Amino acid sequence: MVNKRCMMDKDIEMIYQKLIETARSREITYYWDIATLVGLDMSIEVGRIRIARILGTITTSESEASRPMLSSVVIVKNQNRP
């Protein structure tokens, strides 16, 4: 049986690295793009909830370490807003 916690940690790490890469290059990325990195589908609610939780975890961690909010580089495609 696959450990769900372990999978979530891998998902967080993959997205975290993508956000760092995006921020360093002074670019933006889209929710849909980061979701596909970890095999999530943003067209269904469970995918959107999972991405929100992952980004929330990253934001909390960065805040506790007094670092900028990495999730601010993620926006909604075609709306240009977080």
N, C-alpha and C. Protein backbone atom coordinates (compact mmCIF):
# COMPACT_ATOMS: atom_id res chain seq x y z
N MET A 1 0.84 -1.19 0.00
CA MET A 1 0.00 0.00 0.00
C MET A 1 0.88 1.25 0.00
N VAL A 2 0.52 2.22 -0.80
CA VAL A 2 1.28 3.46 -0.91
C VAL A 2 0.91 4.39 0.23
N ASN A 3 1.91 4.98 0.85
CA ASN A 3 1.70 5.92 1.94
C ASN A 3 1.26 7.26 1.35
N LYS A 4 0.03 7.69 1.64
CA LYS A 4 -0.50 8.95 1.10
C LYS A 4 0.31 10.14 1.58
N ARG A 5 0.78 10.10 2.82
CA ARG A 5 1.59 11.20 3.38
C ARG A 5 2.87 11.36 2.57
N CYS A 6 3.51 10.25 2.25
CA CYS A 6 4.74 10.27 1.46
C CYS A 6 4.48 10.85 0.08
N MET A 7 3.37 10.45 -0.55
CA MET A 7 3.02 10.99 -1.87
C MET A 7 2.79 12.49 -1.79
N MET A 8 2.11 12.94 -0.75
CA MET A 8 1.84 14.37 -0.58
C MET A 8 3.16 15.12 -0.41
N ASP A 9 4.09 14.55 0.37
CA ASP A 9 5.39 15.19 0.56
C ASP A 9 6.13 15.32 -0.77
N LYS A 10 6.06 14.31 -1.61
CA LYS A 10 6.70 14.37 -2.92
C LYS A 10 6.04 15.44 -3.78
N ASP A 11 4.73 15.51 -3.72
CA ASP A 11 3.99 16.52 -4.48
C ASP A 11 4.39 17.92 -4.02
N ILE A 12 4.46 18.11 -2.72
CA ILE A 12 4.85 19.41 -2.17
C ILE A 12 6.25 19.78 -2.64
N GLU A 13 7.16 18.84 -2.57
CA GLU A 13 8.54 19.11 -2.97
C GLU A 13 8.63 19.46 -4.47
N MET A 14 7.92 18.72 -5.30
CA MET A 14 7.95 19.00 -6.74
C MET A 14 7.41 20.40 -7.05
N ILE A 15 6.31 20.74 -6.42
CA ILE A 15 5.71 22.05 -6.65
C ILE A 15 6.57 23.15 -6.05
N TYR A 16 7.12 22.90 -4.87
CA TYR A 16 8.01 23.87 -4.22
C TYR A 16 9.19 24.21 -5.13
N GLN A 17 9.81 23.20 -5.69
CA GLN A 17 10.95 23.43 -6.58
C GLN A 17 10.53 24.22 -7.82
N LYS A 18 9.37 23.92 -8.35
CA LYS A 18 8.85 24.65 -9.52
C LYS A 18 8.61 26.13 -9.17
N LEU A 19 8.08 26.38 -7.99
CA LEU A 19 7.82 27.76 -7.57
C LEU A 19 9.12 28.53 -7.38
N ILE A 20 10.13 27.90 -6.81
CA ILE A 20 11.43 28.54 -6.64
C ILE A 20 12.02 28.89 -8.00
N GLU A 21 11.99 27.92 -8.89
CA GLU A 21 12.49 28.11 -10.26
C GLU A 21 11.77 29.28 -10.95
N THR A 22 10.46 29.30 -10.82
CA THR A 22 9.65 30.34 -11.44
C THR A 22 9.97 31.71 -10.84
N ALA A 23 10.07 31.79 -9.53
CA ALA A 23 10.37 33.06 -8.86
C ALA A 23 11.77 33.56 -9.24
N ARG A 24 12.73 32.66 -9.26
CA ARG A 24 14.10 33.06 -9.61
C ARG A 24 14.19 33.61 -11.03
N SER A 25 13.39 33.08 -11.91
CA SER A 25 13.41 33.55 -13.29
C SER A 25 12.48 34.76 -13.50
N ARG A 26 11.85 35.20 -12.41
CA ARG A 26 10.93 36.35 -12.44
C ARG A 26 9.79 36.16 -13.43
N GLU A 27 9.26 34.96 -13.40
CA GLU A 27 8.15 34.62 -14.28
C GLU A 27 6.93 34.27 -13.44
N ILE A 28 5.88 33.82 -14.12
CA ILE A 28 4.69 33.32 -13.44
C ILE A 28 4.43 31.91 -13.95
N THR A 29 3.58 31.21 -13.24
CA THR A 29 3.12 29.91 -13.69
C THR A 29 1.62 29.84 -13.40
N TYR A 30 0.99 28.83 -13.94
CA TYR A 30 -0.46 28.70 -13.81
C TYR A 30 -0.83 27.51 -12.93
N TYR A 31 -1.96 27.61 -12.26
CA TYR A 31 -2.44 26.50 -11.43
C TYR A 31 -2.46 25.21 -12.23
N TRP A 32 -2.96 25.29 -13.46
CA TRP A 32 -3.08 24.09 -14.29
C TRP A 32 -1.71 23.45 -14.50
N ASP A 33 -0.69 24.27 -14.74
CA ASP A 33 0.66 23.75 -14.99
C ASP A 33 1.25 23.06 -13.77
N ILE A 34 1.06 23.65 -12.60
CA ILE A 34 1.63 22.99 -11.42
C ILE A 34 0.83 21.74 -11.05
N ALA A 35 -0.45 21.76 -11.34
CA ALA A 35 -1.29 20.58 -11.06
C ALA A 35 -0.83 19.40 -11.89
N THR A 36 -0.53 19.63 -13.15
CA THR A 36 -0.11 18.53 -14.02
C THR A 36 1.25 17.96 -13.61
N LEU A 37 2.08 18.77 -12.94
CA LEU A 37 3.37 18.27 -12.44
C LEU A 37 3.18 17.07 -11.51
N VAL A 38 2.11 17.10 -10.75
CA VAL A 38 1.87 16.05 -9.76
C VAL A 38 0.65 15.19 -10.09
N GLY A 39 0.22 15.27 -11.35
CA GLY A 39 -0.85 14.39 -11.82
C GLY A 39 -2.25 14.75 -11.36
N LEU A 40 -2.47 16.02 -11.05
CA LEU A 40 -3.80 16.45 -10.61
C LEU A 40 -4.55 17.10 -11.77
N ASP A 41 -5.86 17.00 -11.70
CA ASP A 41 -6.74 17.56 -12.72
C ASP A 41 -7.51 18.74 -12.12
N MET A 42 -7.22 19.93 -12.61
CA MET A 42 -7.86 21.14 -12.08
C MET A 42 -9.32 21.27 -12.52
N SER A 43 -9.76 20.42 -13.43
CA SER A 43 -11.15 20.51 -13.86
C SER A 43 -12.09 19.81 -12.87
N ILE A 44 -11.53 19.09 -11.90
CA ILE A 44 -12.36 18.46 -10.88
C ILE A 44 -12.03 19.04 -9.51
N GLU A 45 -13.03 19.07 -8.67
CA GLU A 45 -12.89 19.72 -7.37
C GLU A 45 -11.77 19.13 -6.52
N VAL A 46 -11.62 17.83 -6.51
CA VAL A 46 -10.60 17.22 -5.67
C VAL A 46 -9.19 17.69 -6.07
N GLY A 47 -8.95 17.91 -7.36
CA GLY A 47 -7.67 18.42 -7.82
C GLY A 47 -7.43 19.84 -7.35
N ARG A 48 -8.46 20.66 -7.43
CA ARG A 48 -8.34 22.05 -6.99
C ARG A 48 -8.12 22.14 -5.49
N ILE A 49 -8.80 21.31 -4.74
CA ILE A 49 -8.63 21.30 -3.28
C ILE A 49 -7.21 20.87 -2.92
N ARG A 50 -6.72 19.85 -3.58
CA ARG A 50 -5.38 19.34 -3.29
C ARG A 50 -4.32 20.39 -3.60
N ILE A 51 -4.45 21.08 -4.73
CA ILE A 51 -3.49 22.15 -5.07
C ILE A 51 -3.55 23.26 -4.03
N ALA A 52 -4.74 23.62 -3.61
CA ALA A 52 -4.89 24.66 -2.59
C ALA A 52 -4.19 24.25 -1.29
N ARG A 53 -4.33 23.00 -0.91
CA ARG A 53 -3.68 22.52 0.32
C ARG A 53 -2.16 22.52 0.18
N ILE A 54 -1.67 22.08 -0.97
CA ILE A 54 -0.22 22.07 -1.20
C ILE A 54 0.33 23.49 -1.16
N LEU A 55 -0.31 24.40 -1.86
CA LEU A 55 0.15 25.79 -1.86
C LEU A 55 0.04 26.40 -0.46
N GLY A 56 -1.00 26.05 0.27
CA GLY A 56 -1.14 26.53 1.65
C GLY A 56 -0.02 26.03 2.54
N THR A 57 0.36 24.78 2.37
CA THR A 57 1.46 24.21 3.14
C THR A 57 2.77 24.93 2.83
N ILE A 58 3.01 25.17 1.55
CA ILE A 58 4.23 25.87 1.14
C ILE A 58 4.21 27.30 1.68
N THR A 59 3.10 27.98 1.58
CA THR A 59 2.99 29.36 2.06
C THR A 59 3.25 29.44 3.56
N THR A 60 2.67 28.53 4.32
CA THR A 60 2.87 28.51 5.77
C THR A 60 4.34 28.28 6.11
N SER A 61 4.94 27.33 5.44
CA SER A 61 6.35 27.02 5.67
C SER A 61 7.25 28.21 5.36
N GLU A 62 7.01 28.85 4.25
CA GLU A 62 7.81 30.01 3.86
C GLU A 62 7.60 31.17 4.84
N SER A 63 6.38 31.38 5.26
CA SER A 63 6.08 32.45 6.22
C SER A 63 6.79 32.21 7.55
N GLU A 64 6.75 30.98 8.02
CA GLU A 64 7.42 30.64 9.29
C GLU A 64 8.93 30.83 9.20
N ALA A 65 9.48 30.72 7.99
CA ALA A 65 10.92 30.91 7.78
C ALA A 65 11.24 32.35 7.37
N SER A 66 10.25 33.24 7.46
CA SER A 66 10.39 34.66 7.10
C SER A 66 10.86 34.86 5.66
N ARG A 67 10.30 34.03 4.78
CA ARG A 67 10.61 34.16 3.36
C ARG A 67 9.37 34.63 2.62
N PRO A 68 9.56 35.18 1.40
CA PRO A 68 8.41 35.67 0.62
C PRO A 68 7.43 34.55 0.25
N MET A 69 6.22 34.94 -0.06
CA MET A 69 5.16 34.00 -0.40
C MET A 69 5.34 33.49 -1.84
N LEU A 70 5.91 32.30 -1.96
CA LEU A 70 6.18 31.72 -3.27
C LEU A 70 4.93 31.49 -4.10
N SER A 71 3.83 31.21 -3.45
CA SER A 71 2.61 30.91 -4.20
C SER A 71 2.09 32.11 -4.99
N SER A 72 2.66 33.28 -4.74
CA SER A 72 2.20 34.47 -5.47
C SER A 72 2.59 34.43 -6.95
N VAL A 73 3.45 33.49 -7.34
CA VAL A 73 3.82 33.37 -8.76
C VAL A 73 2.84 32.49 -9.52
N VAL A 74 1.85 31.95 -8.82
CA VAL A 74 0.85 31.07 -9.44
C VAL A 74 -0.43 31.87 -9.68
N ILE A 75 -0.87 31.88 -10.95
CA ILE A 75 -2.08 32.63 -11.28
C ILE A 75 -3.04 31.78 -12.09
N VAL A 76 -4.26 32.28 -12.21
CA VAL A 76 -5.29 31.62 -13.02
C VAL A 76 -5.07 32.02 -14.48
N LYS A 77 -4.94 31.05 -15.33
CA LYS A 77 -4.73 31.31 -16.76
C LYS A 77 -5.92 32.10 -17.30
N ASN A 78 -5.66 33.06 -18.15
CA ASN A 78 -6.65 33.91 -18.81
C ASN A 78 -7.27 34.96 -17.88
N GLN A 79 -6.89 34.96 -16.60
CA GLN A 79 -7.44 35.94 -15.68
C GLN A 79 -6.33 36.81 -15.07
N ASN A 80 -5.10 36.35 -15.18
CA ASN A 80 -3.94 37.06 -14.65
C ASN A 80 -4.10 37.49 -13.20
N ARG A 81 -4.61 36.57 -12.40
CA ARG A 81 -4.75 36.85 -10.96
C ARG A 81 -4.56 35.54 -10.19
N PRO A 82 -4.15 35.67 -8.93
CA PRO A 82 -3.98 34.44 -8.11
C PRO A 82 -5.30 33.75 -7.82
